[in-house]
Amino acid sequence: MVGSISAQIALLAFAAAIVAGLAAGNSPTTVLMRALVTMFAALMVSKLVTWTTKLILRDHLQHKKLAIDQAHLASLQRSDAAKQSGDESSTTVGTG
């Protein structure tokens, strides 16, 4: 995922640099060299940003899953406690 998003951003920067260079009236060699440098820089920056975003999202989702699991466990424990207290009260009533 990091690689594909980074490549798409780099190609978009490359295309934008070519269009801007041609619109400015620069020579084709200058346009191509600047576009390649722009593409490489955009690739490095976008890899850093997408990698950081991936780590942030992974951490957020892990915390969210942990909270859901803890709530589920607490619900199961309450359910078991209610069953046990219901079983105890029925055995106490039956013997009296």
PDB file of N, CA and C in Angstrom:
ATOM      1  N   MET A   1       0.817  -1.182   0.000  1.00  0.00           N
ATOM      2  CA  MET A   1       0.000   0.000   0.000  1.00  0.00           C
ATOM      3  C   MET A   1       0.870   1.259   0.000  1.00  0.00           C
ATOM      4  N   VAL A   2       1.909   1.262   0.820  1.00  0.00           N
ATOM      5  CA  VAL A   2       2.795   2.431   0.897  1.00  0.00           C
ATOM      6  C   VAL A   2       3.447   2.686  -0.451  1.00  0.00           C
ATOM      7  N   GLY A   3       3.913   1.623  -1.091  1.00  0.00           N
ATOM      8  CA  GLY A   3       4.593   1.773  -2.369  1.00  0.00           C
ATOM      9  C   GLY A   3       3.683   2.251  -3.482  1.00  0.00           C
ATOM     10  N   SER A   4       2.463   1.736  -3.535  1.00  0.00           N
ATOM     11  CA  SER A   4       1.573   2.126  -4.636  1.00  0.00           C
ATOM     12  C   SER A   4       1.095   3.563  -4.482  1.00  0.00           C
ATOM     13  N   ILE A   5       0.774   3.990  -3.263  1.00  0.00           N
ATOM     14  CA  ILE A   5       0.348   5.376  -3.058  1.00  0.00           C
ATOM     15  C   ILE A   5       1.503   6.322  -3.349  1.00  0.00           C
ATOM     16  N   SER A   6       2.696   5.974  -2.902  1.00  0.00           N
ATOM     17  CA  SER A   6       3.867   6.812  -3.140  1.00  0.00           C
ATOM     18  C   SER A   6       4.155   6.938  -4.630  1.00  0.00           C
ATOM     19  N   ALA A   7       4.041   5.840  -5.361  1.00  0.00           N
ATOM     20  CA  ALA A   7       4.286   5.875  -6.805  1.00  0.00           C
ATOM     21  C   ALA A   7       3.259   6.744  -7.509  1.00  0.00           C
ATOM     22  N   GLN A   8       2.014   6.677  -7.090  1.00  0.00           N
ATOM     23  CA  GLN A   8       0.979   7.503  -7.712  1.00  0.00           C
ATOM     24  C   GLN A   8       1.229   8.988  -7.464  1.00  0.00           C
ATOM     25  N   ILE A   9       1.625   9.337  -6.255  1.00  0.00           N
ATOM     26  CA  ILE A   9       1.923  10.733  -5.943  1.00  0.00           C
ATOM     27  C   ILE A   9       3.139  11.209  -6.732  1.00  0.00           C
ATOM     28  N   ALA A  10       4.157  10.364  -6.847  1.00  0.00           N
ATOM     29  CA  ALA A  10       5.359  10.727  -7.599  1.00  0.00           C
ATOM     30  C   ALA A  10       5.041  10.939  -9.079  1.00  0.00           C
ATOM     31  N   LEU A  11       4.213  10.080  -9.642  1.00  0.00           N
ATOM     32  CA  LEU A  11       3.840  10.255 -11.055  1.00  0.00           C
ATOM     33  C   LEU A  11       2.988  11.500 -11.262  1.00  0.00           C
ATOM     34  N   LEU A  12       2.150  11.817 -10.308  1.00  0.00           N
ATOM     35  CA  LEU A  12       1.365  13.045 -10.394  1.00  0.00           C
ATOM     36  C   LEU A  12       2.280  14.265 -10.349  1.00  0.00           C
ATOM     37  N   ALA A  13       3.281  14.244  -9.476  1.00  0.00           N
ATOM     38  CA  ALA A  13       4.249  15.348  -9.399  1.00  0.00           C
ATOM     39  C   ALA A  13       5.050  15.447 -10.690  1.00  0.00           C
ATOM     40  N   PHE A  14       5.409  14.302 -11.268  1.00  0.00           N
ATOM     41  CA  PHE A  14       6.139  14.280 -12.540  1.00  0.00           C
ATOM     42  C   PHE A  14       5.314  14.933 -13.640  1.00  0.00           C
ATOM     43  N   ALA A  15       4.055  14.548 -13.731  1.00  0.00           N
ATOM     44  CA  ALA A  15       3.177  15.113 -14.767  1.00  0.00           C
ATOM     45  C   ALA A  15       2.981  16.612 -14.562  1.00  0.00           C
ATOM     46  N   ALA A  16       2.798  17.019 -13.313  1.00  0.00           N
ATOM     47  CA  ALA A  16       2.614  18.442 -13.031  1.00  0.00           C
ATOM     48  C   ALA A  16       3.865  19.241 -13.382  1.00  0.00           C
ATOM     49  N   ALA A  17       5.047  18.673 -13.106  1.00  0.00           N
ATOM     50  CA  ALA A  17       6.299  19.361 -13.430  1.00  0.00           C
ATOM     51  C   ALA A  17       6.482  19.475 -14.938  1.00  0.00           C
ATOM     52  N   ILE A  18       6.082  18.457 -15.679  1.00  0.00           N
ATOM     53  CA  ILE A  18       6.193  18.519 -17.144  1.00  0.00           C
ATOM     54  C   ILE A  18       5.255  19.592 -17.701  1.00  0.00           C
ATOM     55  N   VAL A  19       4.025  19.593 -17.228  1.00  0.00           N
ATOM     56  CA  VAL A  19       3.060  20.591 -17.714  1.00  0.00           C
ATOM     57  C   VAL A  19       3.523  21.993 -17.363  1.00  0.00           C
ATOM     58  N   ALA A  20       4.008  22.193 -16.140  1.00  0.00           N
ATOM     59  CA  ALA A  20       4.479  23.517 -15.723  1.00  0.00           C
ATOM     60  C   ALA A  20       5.704  23.946 -16.521  1.00  0.00           C
ATOM     61  N   GLY A  21       6.624  23.019 -16.777  1.00  0.00           N
ATOM     62  CA  GLY A  21       7.821  23.354 -17.542  1.00  0.00           C
ATOM     63  C   GLY A  21       7.508  23.697 -18.983  1.00  0.00           C
ATOM     64  N   LEU A  22       6.601  22.939 -19.592  1.00  0.00           N
ATOM     65  CA  LEU A  22       6.216  23.233 -20.967  1.00  0.00           C
ATOM     66  C   LEU A  22       5.439  24.542 -21.058  1.00  0.00           C
ATOM     67  N   ALA A  23       4.607  24.820 -20.072  1.00  0.00           N
ATOM     68  CA  ALA A  23       3.845  26.077 -20.061  1.00  0.00           C
ATOM     69  C   ALA A  23       4.777  27.273 -19.879  1.00  0.00           C
ATOM     70  N   ALA A  24       5.887  27.083 -19.168  1.00  0.00           N
ATOM     71  CA  ALA A  24       6.848  28.158 -18.957  1.00  0.00           C
ATOM     72  C   ALA A  24       7.734  28.369 -20.179  1.00  0.00           C
ATOM     73  N   GLY A  25       7.720  27.428 -21.106  1.00  0.00           N
ATOM     74  CA  GLY A  25       8.511  27.569 -22.331  1.00  0.00           C
ATOM     75  C   GLY A  25       9.950  27.112 -22.187  1.00  0.00           C
ATOM     76  N   ASN A  26      10.238  26.251 -21.232  1.00  0.00           N
ATOM     77  CA  ASN A  26      11.597  25.734 -21.053  1.00  0.00           C
ATOM     78  C   ASN A  26      11.910  24.700 -22.124  1.00  0.00           C
ATOM     79  N   SER A  27      13.199  24.422 -22.283  1.00  0.00           N
ATOM     80  CA  SER A  27      13.618  23.424 -23.272  1.00  0.00           C
ATOM     81  C   SER A  27      13.210  22.030 -22.782  1.00  0.00           C
ATOM     82  N   PRO A  28      13.012  21.086 -23.710  1.00  0.00           N
ATOM     83  CA  PRO A  28      12.593  19.737 -23.304  1.00  0.00           C
ATOM     84  C   PRO A  28      13.570  19.057 -22.343  1.00  0.00           C
ATOM     85  N   THR A  29      14.855  19.267 -22.523  1.00  0.00           N
ATOM     86  CA  THR A  29      15.839  18.651 -21.629  1.00  0.00           C
ATOM     87  C   THR A  29      15.700  19.202 -20.209  1.00  0.00           C
ATOM     88  N   THR A  30      15.546  20.499 -20.104  1.00  0.00           N
ATOM     89  CA  THR A  30      15.387  21.137 -18.792  1.00  0.00           C
ATOM     90  C   THR A  30      14.101  20.667 -18.123  1.00  0.00           C
ATOM     91  N   VAL A  31      13.052  20.602 -18.916  1.00  0.00           N
ATOM     92  CA  VAL A  31      11.758  20.157 -18.379  1.00  0.00           C
ATOM     93  C   VAL A  31      11.871  18.734 -17.853  1.00  0.00           C
ATOM     94  N   LEU A  32      12.479  17.844 -18.632  1.00  0.00           N
ATOM     95  CA  LEU A  32      12.595  16.443 -18.235  1.00  0.00           C
ATOM     96  C   LEU A  32      13.467  16.275 -16.998  1.00  0.00           C
ATOM     97  N   MET A  33      14.586  16.986 -16.942  1.00  0.00           N
ATOM     98  CA  MET A  33      15.475  16.865 -15.783  1.00  0.00           C
ATOM     99  C   MET A  33      14.785  17.365 -14.508  1.00  0.00           C
ATOM    100  N   ARG A  34      14.132  18.497 -14.614  1.00  0.00           N
ATOM    101  CA  ARG A  34      13.432  19.027 -13.441  1.00  0.00           C
ATOM    102  C   ARG A  34      12.275  18.119 -13.032  1.00  0.00           C
ATOM    103  N   ALA A  35      11.589  17.543 -13.999  1.00  0.00           N
ATOM    104  CA  ALA A  35      10.477  16.640 -13.700  1.00  0.00           C
ATOM    105  C   ALA A  35      10.977  15.371 -13.012  1.00  0.00           C
ATOM    106  N   LEU A  36      12.133  14.858 -13.449  1.00  0.00           N
ATOM    107  CA  LEU A  36      12.694  13.665 -12.807  1.00  0.00           C
ATOM    108  C   LEU A  36      13.120  13.947 -11.366  1.00  0.00           C
ATOM    109  N   VAL A  37      13.730  15.110 -11.150  1.00  0.00           N
ATOM    110  CA  VAL A  37      14.130  15.486  -9.787  1.00  0.00           C
ATOM    111  C   VAL A  37      12.889  15.656  -8.914  1.00  0.00           C
ATOM    112  N   THR A  38      11.865  16.298  -9.479  1.00  0.00           N
ATOM    113  CA  THR A  38      10.611  16.481  -8.746  1.00  0.00           C
ATOM    114  C   THR A  38       9.969  15.143  -8.416  1.00  0.00           C
ATOM    115  N   MET A  39       9.974  14.208  -9.360  1.00  0.00           N
ATOM    116  CA  MET A  39       9.390  12.894  -9.134  1.00  0.00           C
ATOM    117  C   MET A  39      10.123  12.161  -8.013  1.00  0.00           C
ATOM    118  N   PHE A  40      11.445  12.213  -8.025  1.00  0.00           N
ATOM    119  CA  PHE A  40      12.225  11.539  -6.992  1.00  0.00           C
ATOM    120  C   PHE A  40      11.959  12.151  -5.617  1.00  0.00           C
ATOM    121  N   ALA A  41      11.922  13.476  -5.556  1.00  0.00           N
ATOM    122  CA  ALA A  41      11.663  14.148  -4.275  1.00  0.00           C
ATOM    123  C   ALA A  41      10.257  13.826  -3.770  1.00  0.00           C
ATOM    124  N   ALA A  42       9.293  13.842  -4.671  1.00  0.00           N
ATOM    125  CA  ALA A  42       7.918  13.525  -4.284  1.00  0.00           C
ATOM    126  C   ALA A  42       7.808  12.075  -3.816  1.00  0.00           C
ATOM    127  N   LEU A  43       8.554  11.188  -4.442  1.00  0.00           N
ATOM    128  CA  LEU A  43       8.534   9.785  -4.039  1.00  0.00           C
ATOM    129  C   LEU A  43       9.060   9.618  -2.609  1.00  0.00           C
ATOM    130  N   MET A  44      10.159  10.272  -2.303  1.00  0.00           N
ATOM    131  CA  MET A  44      10.733  10.149  -0.963  1.00  0.00           C
ATOM    132  C   MET A  44       9.804  10.752   0.102  1.00  0.00           C
ATOM    133  N   VAL A  45       9.273  11.923  -0.174  1.00  0.00           N
ATOM    134  CA  VAL A  45       8.386  12.577   0.796  1.00  0.00           C
ATOM    135  C   VAL A  45       7.112  11.765   0.978  1.00  0.00           C
ATOM    136  N   SER A  46       6.547  11.288  -0.119  1.00  0.00           N
ATOM    137  CA  SER A  46       5.288  10.537  -0.023  1.00  0.00           C
ATOM    138  C   SER A  46       5.486   9.185   0.659  1.00  0.00           C
ATOM    139  N   LYS A  47       6.651   8.557   0.480  1.00  0.00           N
ATOM    140  CA  LYS A  47       6.921   7.310   1.205  1.00  0.00           C
ATOM    141  C   LYS A  47       6.964   7.565   2.707  1.00  0.00           C
ATOM    142  N   LEU A  48       7.598   8.647   3.105  1.00  0.00           N
ATOM    143  CA  LEU A  48       7.670   8.992   4.522  1.00  0.00           C
ATOM    144  C   LEU A  48       6.275   9.279   5.078  1.00  0.00           C
ATOM    145  N   VAL A  49       5.492  10.046   4.351  1.00  0.00           N
ATOM    146  CA  VAL A  49       4.147  10.403   4.825  1.00  0.00           C
ATOM    147  C   VAL A  49       3.242   9.178   4.882  1.00  0.00           C
ATOM    148  N   THR A  50       3.254   8.345   3.844  1.00  0.00           N
ATOM    149  CA  THR A  50       2.382   7.172   3.838  1.00  0.00           C
ATOM    150  C   THR A  50       2.819   6.146   4.886  1.00  0.00           C
ATOM    151  N   TRP A  51       4.105   6.004   5.113  1.00  0.00           N
ATOM    152  CA  TRP A  51       4.586   5.079   6.140  1.00  0.00           C
ATOM    153  C   TRP A  51       4.145   5.555   7.522  1.00  0.00           C
ATOM    154  N   THR A  52       4.277   6.862   7.777  1.00  0.00           N
ATOM    155  CA  THR A  52       3.854   7.425   9.051  1.00  0.00           C
ATOM    156  C   THR A  52       2.346   7.265   9.245  1.00  0.00           C
ATOM    157  N   THR A  53       1.584   7.525   8.193  1.00  0.00           N
ATOM    158  CA  THR A  53       0.133   7.381   8.256  1.00  0.00           C
ATOM    159  C   THR A  53      -0.253   5.931   8.537  1.00  0.00           C
ATOM    160  N   LYS A  54       0.442   5.009   7.909  1.00  0.00           N
ATOM    161  CA  LYS A  54       0.164   3.587   8.134  1.00  0.00           C
ATOM    162  C   LYS A  54       0.390   3.211   9.599  1.00  0.00           C
ATOM    163  N   LEU A  55       1.483   3.711  10.201  1.00  0.00           N
ATOM    164  CA  LEU A  55       1.760   3.417  11.599  1.00  0.00           C
ATOM    165  C   LEU A  55       0.708   4.024  12.521  1.00  0.00           C
ATOM    166  N   ILE A  56       0.290   5.248  12.222  1.00  0.00           N
ATOM    167  CA  ILE A  56      -0.719   5.914  13.049  1.00  0.00           C
ATOM    168  C   ILE A  56      -2.041   5.166  12.972  1.00  0.00           C
ATOM    169  N   LEU A  57      -2.456   4.789  11.767  1.00  0.00           N
ATOM    170  CA  LEU A  57      -3.712   4.058  11.607  1.00  0.00           C
ATOM    171  C   LEU A  57      -3.655   2.690  12.272  1.00  0.00           C
ATOM    172  N   ARG A  58      -2.540   1.993  12.139  1.00  0.00           N
ATOM    173  CA  ARG A  58      -2.396   0.676  12.765  1.00  0.00           C
ATOM    174  C   ARG A  58      -2.510   0.795  14.284  1.00  0.00           C
ATOM    175  N   ASP A  59      -1.843   1.798  14.855  1.00  0.00           N
ATOM    176  CA  ASP A  59      -1.889   1.999  16.295  1.00  0.00           C
ATOM    177  C   ASP A  59      -3.315   2.330  16.746  1.00  0.00           C
ATOM    178  N   HIS A  60      -3.986   3.200  16.012  1.00  0.00           N
ATOM    179  CA  HIS A  60      -5.362   3.574  16.353  1.00  0.00           C
ATOM    180  C   HIS A  60      -6.286   2.358  16.309  1.00  0.00           C
ATOM    181  N   LEU A  61      -6.174   1.570  15.263  1.00  0.00           N
ATOM    182  CA  LEU A  61      -7.043   0.399  15.127  1.00  0.00           C
ATOM    183  C   LEU A  61      -6.748  -0.661  16.186  1.00  0.00           C
ATOM    184  N   GLN A  62      -5.481  -0.805  16.575  1.00  0.00           N
ATOM    185  CA  GLN A  62      -5.151  -1.749  17.640  1.00  0.00           C
ATOM    186  C   GLN A  62      -5.762  -1.321  18.965  1.00  0.00           C
ATOM    187  N   HIS A  63      -5.715  -0.014  19.258  1.00  0.00           N
ATOM    188  CA  HIS A  63      -6.331   0.478  20.494  1.00  0.00           C
ATOM    189  C   HIS A  63      -7.845   0.298  20.457  1.00  0.00           C
ATOM    190  N   LYS A  64      -8.430   0.539  19.306  1.00  0.00           N
ATOM    191  CA  LYS A  64      -9.879   0.378  19.170  1.00  0.00           C
ATOM    192  C   LYS A  64     -10.278  -1.087  19.339  1.00  0.00           C
ATOM    193  N   LYS A  65      -9.520  -1.996  18.736  1.00  0.00           N
ATOM    194  CA  LYS A  65      -9.809  -3.428  18.864  1.00  0.00           C
ATOM    195  C   LYS A  65      -9.648  -3.874  20.308  1.00  0.00           C
ATOM    196  N   LEU A  66      -8.630  -3.375  20.980  1.00  0.00           N
ATOM    197  CA  LEU A  66      -8.424  -3.730  22.389  1.00  0.00           C
ATOM    198  C   LEU A  66      -9.603  -3.263  23.238  1.00  0.00           C
ATOM    199  N   ALA A  67     -10.096  -2.067  22.982  1.00  0.00           N
ATOM    200  CA  ALA A  67     -11.248  -1.560  23.743  1.00  0.00           C
ATOM    201  C   ALA A  67     -12.487  -2.412  23.482  1.00  0.00           C
ATOM    202  N   ILE A  68     -12.697  -2.813  22.247  1.00  0.00           N
ATOM    203  CA  ILE A  68     -13.842  -3.668  21.912  1.00  0.00           C
ATOM    204  C   ILE A  68     -13.707  -5.023  22.592  1.00  0.00           C
ATOM    205  N   ASP A  69     -12.506  -5.590  22.562  1.00  0.00           N
ATOM    206  CA  ASP A  69     -12.273  -6.890  23.200  1.00  0.00           C
ATOM    207  C   ASP A  69     -12.481  -6.805  24.716  1.00  0.00           C
ATOM    208  N   GLN A  70     -12.030  -5.724  25.330  1.00  0.00           N
ATOM    209  CA  GLN A  70     -12.206  -5.563  26.777  1.00  0.00           C
ATOM    210  C   GLN A  70     -13.681  -5.413  27.122  1.00  0.00           C
ATOM    211  N   ALA A  71     -14.427  -4.666  26.305  1.00  0.00           N
ATOM    212  CA  ALA A  71     -15.862  -4.519  26.551  1.00  0.00           C
ATOM    213  C   ALA A  71     -16.578  -5.852  26.388  1.00  0.00           C
ATOM    214  N   HIS A  72     -16.161  -6.620  25.403  1.00  0.00           N
ATOM    215  CA  HIS A  72     -16.760  -7.940  25.179  1.00  0.00           C
ATOM    216  C   HIS A  72     -16.473  -8.865  26.368  1.00  0.00           C
ATOM    217  N   LEU A  73     -15.249  -8.860  26.830  1.00  0.00           N
ATOM    218  CA  LEU A  73     -14.878  -9.692  27.977  1.00  0.00           C
ATOM    219  C   LEU A  73     -15.655  -9.287  29.223  1.00  0.00           C
ATOM    220  N   ALA A  74     -15.782  -8.000  29.455  1.00  0.00           N
ATOM    221  CA  ALA A  74     -16.547  -7.531  30.623  1.00  0.00           C
ATOM    222  C   ALA A  74     -18.003  -7.957  30.514  1.00  0.00           C
ATOM    223  N   SER A  75     -18.550  -7.900  29.321  1.00  0.00           N
ATOM    224  CA  SER A  75     -19.936  -8.332  29.113  1.00  0.00           C
ATOM    225  C   SER A  75     -20.093  -9.824  29.388  1.00  0.00           C
ATOM    226  N   LEU A  76     -19.151 -10.618  28.927  1.00  0.00           N
ATOM    227  CA  LEU A  76     -19.198 -12.058  29.192  1.00  0.00           C
ATOM    228  C   LEU A  76     -19.079 -12.358  30.680  1.00  0.00           C
ATOM    229  N   GLN A  77     -18.219 -11.639  31.363  1.00  0.00           N
ATOM    230  CA  GLN A  77     -18.045 -11.846  32.796  1.00  0.00           C
ATOM    231  C   GLN A  77     -19.313 -11.465  33.565  1.00  0.00           C
ATOM    232  N   ARG A  78     -19.953 -10.361  33.169  1.00  0.00           N
ATOM    233  CA  ARG A  78     -21.214  -9.976  33.808  1.00  0.00           C
ATOM    234  C   ARG A  78     -22.292 -11.024  33.554  1.00  0.00           C
ATOM    235  N   SER A  79     -22.305 -11.548  32.328  1.00  0.00           N
ATOM    236  CA  SER A  79     -23.295 -12.568  31.977  1.00  0.00           C
ATOM    237  C   SER A  79     -23.083 -13.834  32.801  1.00  0.00           C
ATOM    238  N   ASP A  80     -21.828 -14.250  32.935  1.00  0.00           N
ATOM    239  CA  ASP A  80     -21.521 -15.439  33.745  1.00  0.00           C
ATOM    240  C   ASP A  80     -21.871 -15.206  35.206  1.00  0.00           C
ATOM    241  N   ALA A  81     -21.583 -14.018  35.705  1.00  0.00           N
ATOM    242  CA  ALA A  81     -21.897 -13.703  37.101  1.00  0.00           C
ATOM    243  C   ALA A  81     -23.405 -13.712  37.316  1.00  0.00           C
ATOM    244  N   ALA A  82     -24.155 -13.195  36.365  1.00  0.00           N
ATOM    245  CA  ALA A  82     -25.619 -13.183  36.486  1.00  0.00           C
ATOM    246  C   ALA A  82     -26.164 -14.604  36.439  1.00  0.00           C
ATOM    247  N   LYS A  83     -25.598 -15.451  35.599  1.00  0.00           N
ATOM    248  CA  LYS A  83     -26.034 -16.853  35.529  1.00  0.00           C
ATOM    249  C   LYS A  83     -25.760 -17.566  36.848  1.00  0.00           C
ATOM    250  N   GLN A  84     -24.569 -17.341  37.385  1.00  0.00           N
ATOM    251  CA  GLN A  84     -24.203 -18.013  38.631  1.00  0.00           C
ATOM    252  C   GLN A  84     -25.072 -17.531  39.784  1.00  0.00           C
ATOM    253  N   SER A  85     -25.343 -16.256  39.851  1.00  0.00           N
ATOM    254  CA  SER A  85     -26.195 -15.760  40.933  1.00  0.00           C
ATOM    255  C   SER A  85     -27.627 -16.249  40.734  1.00  0.00           C
ATOM    256  N   GLY A  86     -28.072 -16.395  39.494  1.00  0.00           N
ATOM    257  CA  GLY A  86     -29.398 -16.939  39.224  1.00  0.00           C
ATOM    258  C   GLY A  86     -29.466 -18.409  39.596  1.00  0.00           C
ATOM    259  N   ASP A  87     -28.418 -19.173  39.345  1.00  0.00           N
ATOM    260  CA  ASP A  87     -28.371 -20.595  39.698  1.00  0.00           C
ATOM    261  C   ASP A  87     -28.350 -20.778  41.209  1.00  0.00           C
ATOM    262  N   GLU A  88     -27.609 -19.936  41.916  1.00  0.00           N
ATOM    263  CA  GLU A  88     -27.525 -20.033  43.363  1.00  0.00           C
ATOM    264  C   GLU A  88     -28.864 -19.713  44.020  1.00  0.00           C
ATOM    265  N   SER A  89     -29.562 -18.714  43.489  1.00  0.00           N
ATOM    266  CA  SER A  89     -30.836 -18.341  44.088  1.00  0.00           C
ATOM    267  C   SER A  89     -31.885 -19.416  43.823  1.00  0.00           C
ATOM    268  N   SER A  90     -31.820 -20.109  42.690  1.00  0.00           N
ATOM    269  CA  SER A  90     -32.791 -21.153  42.424  1.00  0.00           C
ATOM    270  C   SER A  90     -32.523 -22.393  43.282  1.00  0.00           C
ATOM    271  N   THR A  91     -31.272 -22.685  43.579  1.00  0.00           N
ATOM    272  CA  THR A  91     -30.971 -23.831  44.436  1.00  0.00           C
ATOM    273  C   THR A  91     -31.329 -23.519  45.882  1.00  0.00           C
ATOM    274  N   THR A  92     -31.185 -22.273  46.289  1.00  0.00           N
ATOM    275  CA  THR A  92     -31.524 -21.887  47.650  1.00  0.00           C
ATOM    276  C   THR A  92     -33.038 -21.926  47.853  1.00  0.00           C
ATOM    277  N   VAL A  93     -33.795 -21.485  46.858  1.00  0.00           N
ATOM    278  CA  VAL A  93     -35.244 -21.490  46.957  1.00  0.00           C
ATOM    279  C   VAL A  93     -35.761 -22.918  46.963  1.00  0.00           C
ATOM    280  N   GLY A  94     -35.141 -23.799  46.167  1.00  0.00           N
ATOM    281  CA  GLY A  94     -35.614 -25.165  46.077  1.00  0.00           C
ATOM    282  C   GLY A  94     -35.410 -25.955  47.363  1.00  0.00           C
ATOM    283  N   THR A  95     -34.411 -25.653  48.161  1.00  0.00           N
ATOM    284  CA  THR A  95     -34.138 -26.413  49.375  1.00  0.00           C
ATOM    285  C   THR A  95     -34.945 -25.910  50.560  1.00  0.00           C
ATOM    286  N   GLY A  96     -35.466 -24.679  50.484  1.00  0.00           N
ATOM    287  CA  GLY A  96     -36.153 -24.107  51.626  1.00  0.00           C
ATOM    288  C   GLY A  96     -37.565 -24.398  51.623  1.00  0.00           C
TER     289      GLY A  96
END
